[in-house]
Amino acid sequence: VGFDIDLGNAICDKLKAKCVWVETSF
């Protein structure tokens, strides 16, 4: 969850793409 997560999902919607999140250390 979070601002960046919602932003990424919205970008994927615009690009008609499936969003996949990969967790990793910064």
PDB file of all heavy atoms in Angstrom:
ATOM      1  N   VAL A   1       0.842  -1.195   0.000  1.00  0.00           N
ATOM      2  CA  VAL A   1       0.000   0.000   0.000  1.00  0.00           C
ATOM      3  C   VAL A   1       0.878   1.246   0.000  1.00  0.00           C
ATOM      4  O   VAL A   1       2.060   1.193   0.327  1.00  0.00           O
ATOM      5  CB  VAL A   1      -0.939   0.028   1.231  1.00  0.00           C
ATOM      6  CG1 VAL A   1      -1.935  -1.110   1.180  1.00  0.00           C
ATOM      7  CG2 VAL A   1      -0.131  -0.023   2.535  1.00  0.00           C
ATOM      8  N   GLY A   2       0.280   2.383  -0.359  1.00  0.00           N
ATOM      9  CA  GLY A   2       1.001   3.645  -0.291  1.00  0.00           C
ATOM     10  C   GLY A   2       0.861   4.474  -1.547  1.00  0.00           C
ATOM     11  O   GLY A   2       0.326   4.028  -2.561  1.00  0.00           O
ATOM     12  N   PHE A   3       1.358   5.699  -1.464  1.00  0.00           N
ATOM     13  CA  PHE A   3       1.265   6.650  -2.567  1.00  0.00           C
ATOM     14  C   PHE A   3       1.919   6.108  -3.834  1.00  0.00           C
ATOM     15  O   PHE A   3       1.327   6.134  -4.921  1.00  0.00           O
ATOM     16  CB  PHE A   3       1.930   7.968  -2.151  1.00  0.00           C
ATOM     17  CG  PHE A   3       2.080   8.961  -3.261  1.00  0.00           C
ATOM     18  CD1 PHE A   3       0.990   9.675  -3.730  1.00  0.00           C
ATOM     19  CD2 PHE A   3       3.320   9.200  -3.838  1.00  0.00           C
ATOM     20  CE1 PHE A   3       1.124  10.597  -4.758  1.00  0.00           C
ATOM     21  CE2 PHE A   3       3.473  10.120  -4.859  1.00  0.00           C
ATOM     22  CZ  PHE A   3       2.372  10.823  -5.319  1.00  0.00           C
ATOM     23  N   ASP A   4       3.160   5.616  -3.719  1.00  0.00           N
ATOM     24  CA  ASP A   4       3.864   5.113  -4.898  1.00  0.00           C
ATOM     25  C   ASP A   4       3.175   3.885  -5.484  1.00  0.00           C
ATOM     26  O   ASP A   4       3.171   3.685  -6.708  1.00  0.00           O
ATOM     27  CB  ASP A   4       5.313   4.765  -4.545  1.00  0.00           C
ATOM     28  CG  ASP A   4       6.177   6.002  -4.376  1.00  0.00           C
ATOM     29  OD1 ASP A   4       5.748   7.093  -4.807  1.00  0.00           O
ATOM     30  OD2 ASP A   4       7.278   5.893  -3.799  1.00  0.00           O
ATOM     31  N   ILE A   5       2.598   3.053  -4.631  1.00  0.00           N
ATOM     32  CA  ILE A   5       1.907   1.855  -5.105  1.00  0.00           C
ATOM     33  C   ILE A   5       0.672   2.258  -5.925  1.00  0.00           C
ATOM     34  O   ILE A   5       0.455   1.747  -7.029  1.00  0.00           O
ATOM     35  CB  ILE A   5       1.484   0.947  -3.921  1.00  0.00           C
ATOM     36  CG1 ILE A   5       2.691   0.618  -3.032  1.00  0.00           C
ATOM     37  CG2 ILE A   5       0.823  -0.325  -4.443  1.00  0.00           C
ATOM     38  CD1 ILE A   5       3.833  -0.081  -3.719  1.00  0.00           C
ATOM     39  N   ASP A   6      -0.123   3.183  -5.384  1.00  0.00           N
ATOM     40  CA  ASP A   6      -1.304   3.654  -6.114  1.00  0.00           C
ATOM     41  C   ASP A   6      -0.899   4.352  -7.407  1.00  0.00           C
ATOM     42  O   ASP A   6      -1.560   4.201  -8.444  1.00  0.00           O
ATOM     43  CB  ASP A   6      -2.116   4.620  -5.247  1.00  0.00           C
ATOM     44  CG  ASP A   6      -2.900   3.908  -4.152  1.00  0.00           C
ATOM     45  OD1 ASP A   6      -2.794   2.671  -4.057  1.00  0.00           O
ATOM     46  OD2 ASP A   6      -3.603   4.589  -3.385  1.00  0.00           O
ATOM     47  N   LEU A   7       0.179   5.113  -7.351  1.00  0.00           N
ATOM     48  CA  LEU A   7       0.660   5.817  -8.533  1.00  0.00           C
ATOM     49  C   LEU A   7       1.085   4.817  -9.618  1.00  0.00           C
ATOM     50  O   LEU A   7       0.730   4.971 -10.797  1.00  0.00           O
ATOM     51  CB  LEU A   7       1.842   6.710  -8.154  1.00  0.00           C
ATOM     52  CG  LEU A   7       2.249   7.780  -9.158  1.00  0.00           C
ATOM     53  CD1 LEU A   7       1.177   8.861  -9.264  1.00  0.00           C
ATOM     54  CD2 LEU A   7       3.575   8.409  -8.762  1.00  0.00           C
ATOM     55  N   GLY A   8       1.831   3.793  -9.211  1.00  0.00           N
ATOM     56  CA  GLY A   8       2.269   2.773 -10.163  1.00  0.00           C
ATOM     57  C   GLY A   8       1.108   2.024 -10.779  1.00  0.00           C
ATOM     58  O   GLY A   8       1.092   1.774 -11.992  1.00  0.00           O
ATOM     59  N   ASN A   9       0.125   1.674  -9.966  1.00  0.00           N
ATOM     60  CA  ASN A   9      -1.044   0.963 -10.490  1.00  0.00           C
ATOM     61  C   ASN A   9      -1.820   1.836 -11.474  1.00  0.00           C
ATOM     62  O   ASN A   9      -2.342   1.339 -12.483  1.00  0.00           O
ATOM     63  CB  ASN A   9      -1.943   0.518  -9.338  1.00  0.00           C
ATOM     64  CG  ASN A   9      -1.342  -0.628  -8.540  1.00  0.00           C
ATOM     65  OD1 ASN A   9      -0.582  -1.431  -9.081  1.00  0.00           O
ATOM     66  ND2 ASN A   9      -1.655  -0.713  -7.265  1.00  0.00           N
ATOM     67  N   ALA A  10      -1.878   3.143 -11.203  1.00  0.00           N
ATOM     68  CA  ALA A  10      -2.573   4.065 -12.103  1.00  0.00           C
ATOM     69  C   ALA A  10      -1.811   4.211 -13.421  1.00  0.00           C
ATOM     70  O   ALA A  10      -2.420   4.307 -14.495  1.00  0.00           O
ATOM     71  CB  ALA A  10      -2.743   5.426 -11.434  1.00  0.00           C
ATOM     72  N   ILE A  11      -0.489   4.224 -13.350  1.00  0.00           N
ATOM     73  CA  ILE A  11       0.328   4.280 -14.559  1.00  0.00           C
ATOM     74  C   ILE A  11       0.077   3.044 -15.411  1.00  0.00           C
ATOM     75  O   ILE A  11      -0.087   3.127 -16.634  1.00  0.00           O
ATOM     76  CB  ILE A  11       1.825   4.402 -14.202  1.00  0.00           C
ATOM     77  CG1 ILE A  11       2.119   5.792 -13.642  1.00  0.00           C
ATOM     78  CG2 ILE A  11       2.712   4.132 -15.420  1.00  0.00           C
ATOM     79  CD1 ILE A  11       3.502   5.930 -13.026  1.00  0.00           C
ATOM     80  N   CYS A  12       0.037   1.884 -14.759  1.00  0.00           N
ATOM     81  CA  CYS A  12      -0.229   0.636 -15.485  1.00  0.00           C
ATOM     82  C   CYS A  12      -1.607   0.671 -16.143  1.00  0.00           C
ATOM     83  O   CYS A  12      -1.777   0.196 -17.274  1.00  0.00           O
ATOM     84  CB  CYS A  12      -0.118  -0.559 -14.535  1.00  0.00           C
ATOM     85  SG  CYS A  12       1.594  -0.949 -14.074  1.00  0.00           S
ATOM     86  N   ASP A  13      -2.597   1.235 -15.457  1.00  0.00           N
ATOM     87  CA  ASP A  13      -3.931   1.370 -16.049  1.00  0.00           C
ATOM     88  C   ASP A  13      -3.873   2.215 -17.315  1.00  0.00           C
ATOM     89  O   ASP A  13      -4.494   1.879 -18.329  1.00  0.00           O
ATOM     90  CB  ASP A  13      -4.900   2.012 -15.045  1.00  0.00           C
ATOM     91  CG  ASP A  13      -5.332   1.040 -13.955  1.00  0.00           C
ATOM     92  OD1 ASP A  13      -5.140  -0.180 -14.139  1.00  0.00           O
ATOM     93  OD2 ASP A  13      -5.848   1.501 -12.923  1.00  0.00           O
ATOM     94  N   LYS A  14      -3.137   3.317 -17.256  1.00  0.00           N
ATOM     95  CA  LYS A  14      -3.005   4.205 -18.413  1.00  0.00           C
ATOM     96  C   LYS A  14      -2.327   3.486 -19.584  1.00  0.00           C
ATOM     97  O   LYS A  14      -2.661   3.719 -20.749  1.00  0.00           O
ATOM     98  CB  LYS A  14      -2.204   5.452 -18.045  1.00  0.00           C
ATOM     99  CG  LYS A  14      -2.915   6.414 -17.107  1.00  0.00           C
ATOM    100  CD  LYS A  14      -3.991   7.198 -17.824  1.00  0.00           C
ATOM    101  CE  LYS A  14      -4.596   8.260 -16.920  1.00  0.00           C
ATOM    102  NZ  LYS A  14      -5.734   8.956 -17.589  1.00  0.00           N
ATOM    103  N   LEU A  15      -1.353   2.641 -19.263  1.00  0.00           N
ATOM    104  CA  LEU A  15      -0.587   1.935 -20.292  1.00  0.00           C
ATOM    105  C   LEU A  15      -1.210   0.595 -20.670  1.00  0.00           C
ATOM    106  O   LEU A  15      -0.653  -0.133 -21.496  1.00  0.00           O
ATOM    107  CB  LEU A  15       0.850   1.716 -19.809  1.00  0.00           C
ATOM    108  CG  LEU A  15       1.672   2.978 -19.509  1.00  0.00           C
ATOM    109  CD1 LEU A  15       3.074   2.612 -19.051  1.00  0.00           C
ATOM    110  CD2 LEU A  15       1.743   3.870 -20.732  1.00  0.00           C
ATOM    111  N   LYS A  16      -2.373   0.302 -20.044  1.00  0.00           N
ATOM    112  CA  LYS A  16      -3.051  -0.983 -20.285  1.00  0.00           C
ATOM    113  C   LYS A  16      -2.088  -2.162 -20.063  1.00  0.00           C
ATOM    114  O   LYS A  16      -1.974  -3.074 -20.865  1.00  0.00           O
ATOM    115  CB  LYS A  16      -3.622  -1.030 -21.700  1.00  0.00           C
ATOM    116  CG  LYS A  16      -4.721   0.010 -21.925  1.00  0.00           C
ATOM    117  CD  LYS A  16      -5.304  -0.106 -23.286  1.00  0.00           C
ATOM    118  CE  LYS A  16      -6.495   0.813 -23.538  1.00  0.00           C
ATOM    119  NZ  LYS A  16      -6.742   1.901 -22.644  1.00  0.00           N
ATOM    120  N   ALA A  17      -1.392  -2.081 -18.939  1.00  0.00           N
ATOM    121  CA  ALA A  17      -0.427  -3.115 -18.579  1.00  0.00           C
ATOM    122  C   ALA A  17      -0.780  -3.716 -17.231  1.00  0.00           C
ATOM    123  O   ALA A  17      -1.449  -3.091 -16.408  1.00  0.00           O
ATOM    124  CB  ALA A  17       0.983  -2.523 -18.524  1.00  0.00           C
ATOM    125  N   LYS A  18      -0.321  -4.929 -17.000  1.00  0.00           N
ATOM    126  CA  LYS A  18      -0.484  -5.573 -15.702  1.00  0.00           C
ATOM    127  C   LYS A  18       0.674  -5.139 -14.808  1.00  0.00           C
ATOM    128  O   LYS A  18       1.841  -5.271 -15.184  1.00  0.00           O
ATOM    129  CB  LYS A  18      -0.488  -7.091 -15.845  1.00  0.00           C
ATOM    130  CG  LYS A  18      -0.618  -7.822 -14.514  1.00  0.00           C
ATOM    131  CD  LYS A  18      -0.499  -9.324 -14.687  1.00  0.00           C
ATOM    132  CE  LYS A  18      -0.562 -10.031 -13.329  1.00  0.00           C
ATOM    133  NZ  LYS A  18      -0.375 -11.499 -13.455  1.00  0.00           N
ATOM    134  N   CYS A  19       0.368  -4.603 -13.632  1.00  0.00           N
ATOM    135  CA  CYS A  19       1.396  -4.147 -12.689  1.00  0.00           C
ATOM    136  C   CYS A  19       1.882  -5.317 -11.837  1.00  0.00           C
ATOM    137  O   CYS A  19       1.082  -6.002 -11.199  1.00  0.00           O
ATOM    138  CB  CYS A  19       0.817  -3.062 -11.783  1.00  0.00           C
ATOM    139  SG  CYS A  19       1.696  -1.504 -11.879  1.00  0.00           S
ATOM    140  N   VAL A  20       3.181  -5.527 -11.797  1.00  0.00           N
ATOM    141  CA  VAL A  20       3.787  -6.539 -10.928  1.00  0.00           C
ATOM    142  C   VAL A  20       4.807  -5.832 -10.047  1.00  0.00           C
ATOM    143  O   VAL A  20       5.658  -5.087 -10.539  1.00  0.00           O
ATOM    144  CB  VAL A  20       4.474  -7.651 -11.750  1.00  0.00           C
ATOM    145  CG1 VAL A  20       5.239  -8.601 -10.831  1.00  0.00           C
ATOM    146  CG2 VAL A  20       3.446  -8.417 -12.577  1.00  0.00           C
ATOM    147  N   TRP A  21       4.722  -6.054  -8.735  1.00  0.00           N
ATOM    148  CA  TRP A  21       5.620  -5.401  -7.781  1.00  0.00           C
ATOM    149  C   TRP A  21       6.658  -6.390  -7.286  1.00  0.00           C
ATOM    150  O   TRP A  21       6.330  -7.485  -6.853  1.00  0.00           O
ATOM    151  CB  TRP A  21       4.824  -4.830  -6.608  1.00  0.00           C
ATOM    152  CG  TRP A  21       3.908  -3.728  -7.052  1.00  0.00           C
ATOM    153  CD1 TRP A  21       2.604  -3.853  -7.441  1.00  0.00           C
ATOM    154  CD2 TRP A  21       4.239  -2.353  -7.197  1.00  0.00           C
ATOM    155  NE1 TRP A  21       2.105  -2.629  -7.814  1.00  0.00           N
ATOM    156  CE2 TRP A  21       3.079  -1.687  -7.668  1.00  0.00           C
ATOM    157  CE3 TRP A  21       5.392  -1.603  -6.967  1.00  0.00           C
ATOM    158  CZ2 TRP A  21       3.058  -0.312  -7.920  1.00  0.00           C
ATOM    159  CZ3 TRP A  21       5.374  -0.238  -7.210  1.00  0.00           C
ATOM    160  CH2 TRP A  21       4.213   0.400  -7.683  1.00  0.00           C
ATOM    161  N   VAL A  22       7.923  -5.987  -7.374  1.00  0.00           N
ATOM    162  CA  VAL A  22       9.036  -6.834  -6.952  1.00  0.00           C
ATOM    163  C   VAL A  22       9.705  -6.182  -5.747  1.00  0.00           C
ATOM    164  O   VAL A  22      10.270  -5.091  -5.851  1.00  0.00           O
ATOM    165  CB  VAL A  22      10.065  -7.011  -8.086  1.00  0.00           C
ATOM    166  CG1 VAL A  22      11.199  -7.933  -7.637  1.00  0.00           C
ATOM    167  CG2 VAL A  22       9.390  -7.557  -9.340  1.00  0.00           C
ATOM    168  N   GLU A  23       9.644  -6.827  -4.597  1.00  0.00           N
ATOM    169  CA  GLU A  23      10.221  -6.268  -3.375  1.00  0.00           C
ATOM    170  C   GLU A  23      11.732  -6.494  -3.334  1.00  0.00           C
ATOM    171  O   GLU A  23      12.215  -7.582  -3.631  1.00  0.00           O
ATOM    172  CB  GLU A  23       9.568  -6.907  -2.151  1.00  0.00           C
ATOM    173  CG  GLU A  23       8.082  -6.606  -2.031  1.00  0.00           C
ATOM    174  CD  GLU A  23       7.449  -7.266  -0.825  1.00  0.00           C
ATOM    175  OE1 GLU A  23       8.138  -7.351   0.221  1.00  0.00           O
ATOM    176  OE2 GLU A  23       6.296  -7.710  -0.929  1.00  0.00           O
ATOM    177  N   THR A  24      12.453  -5.439  -2.966  1.00  0.00           N
ATOM    178  CA  THR A  24      13.905  -5.540  -2.874  1.00  0.00           C
ATOM    179  C   THR A  24      14.417  -4.482  -1.910  1.00  0.00           C
ATOM    180  O   THR A  24      13.733  -3.502  -1.635  1.00  0.00           O
ATOM    181  CB  THR A  24      14.557  -5.353  -4.264  1.00  0.00           C
ATOM    182  OG1 THR A  24      15.954  -5.597  -4.190  1.00  0.00           O
ATOM    183  CG2 THR A  24      14.321  -3.948  -4.800  1.00  0.00           C
ATOM    184  N   SER A  25      15.616  -4.674  -1.370  1.00  0.00           N
ATOM    185  CA  SER A  25      16.180  -3.685  -0.449  1.00  0.00           C
ATOM    186  C   SER A  25      16.610  -2.451  -1.243  1.00  0.00           C
ATOM    187  O   SER A  25      17.053  -2.554  -2.391  1.00  0.00           O
ATOM    188  CB  SER A  25      17.381  -4.270   0.304  1.00  0.00           C
ATOM    189  OG  SER A  25      18.414  -4.609  -0.601  1.00  0.00           O
ATOM    190  N   PHE A  26      16.505  -1.286  -0.614  1.00  0.00           N
ATOM    191  CA  PHE A  26      16.769  -0.045  -1.332  1.00  0.00           C
ATOM    192  C   PHE A  26      18.227   0.067  -1.775  1.00  0.00           C
ATOM    193  O   PHE A  26      18.518   0.586  -2.856  1.00  0.00           O
ATOM    194  CB  PHE A  26      16.388   1.165  -0.460  1.00  0.00           C
ATOM    195  CG  PHE A  26      16.266   2.439  -1.237  1.00  0.00           C
ATOM    196  CD1 PHE A  26      15.135   2.717  -1.972  1.00  0.00           C
ATOM    197  CD2 PHE A  26      17.304   3.359  -1.242  1.00  0.00           C
ATOM    198  CE1 PHE A  26      15.023   3.880  -2.707  1.00  0.00           C
ATOM    199  CE2 PHE A  26      17.209   4.540  -1.961  1.00  0.00           C
ATOM    200  CZ  PHE A  26      16.051   4.798  -2.694  1.00  0.00           C
TER     201      PHE A  26
END
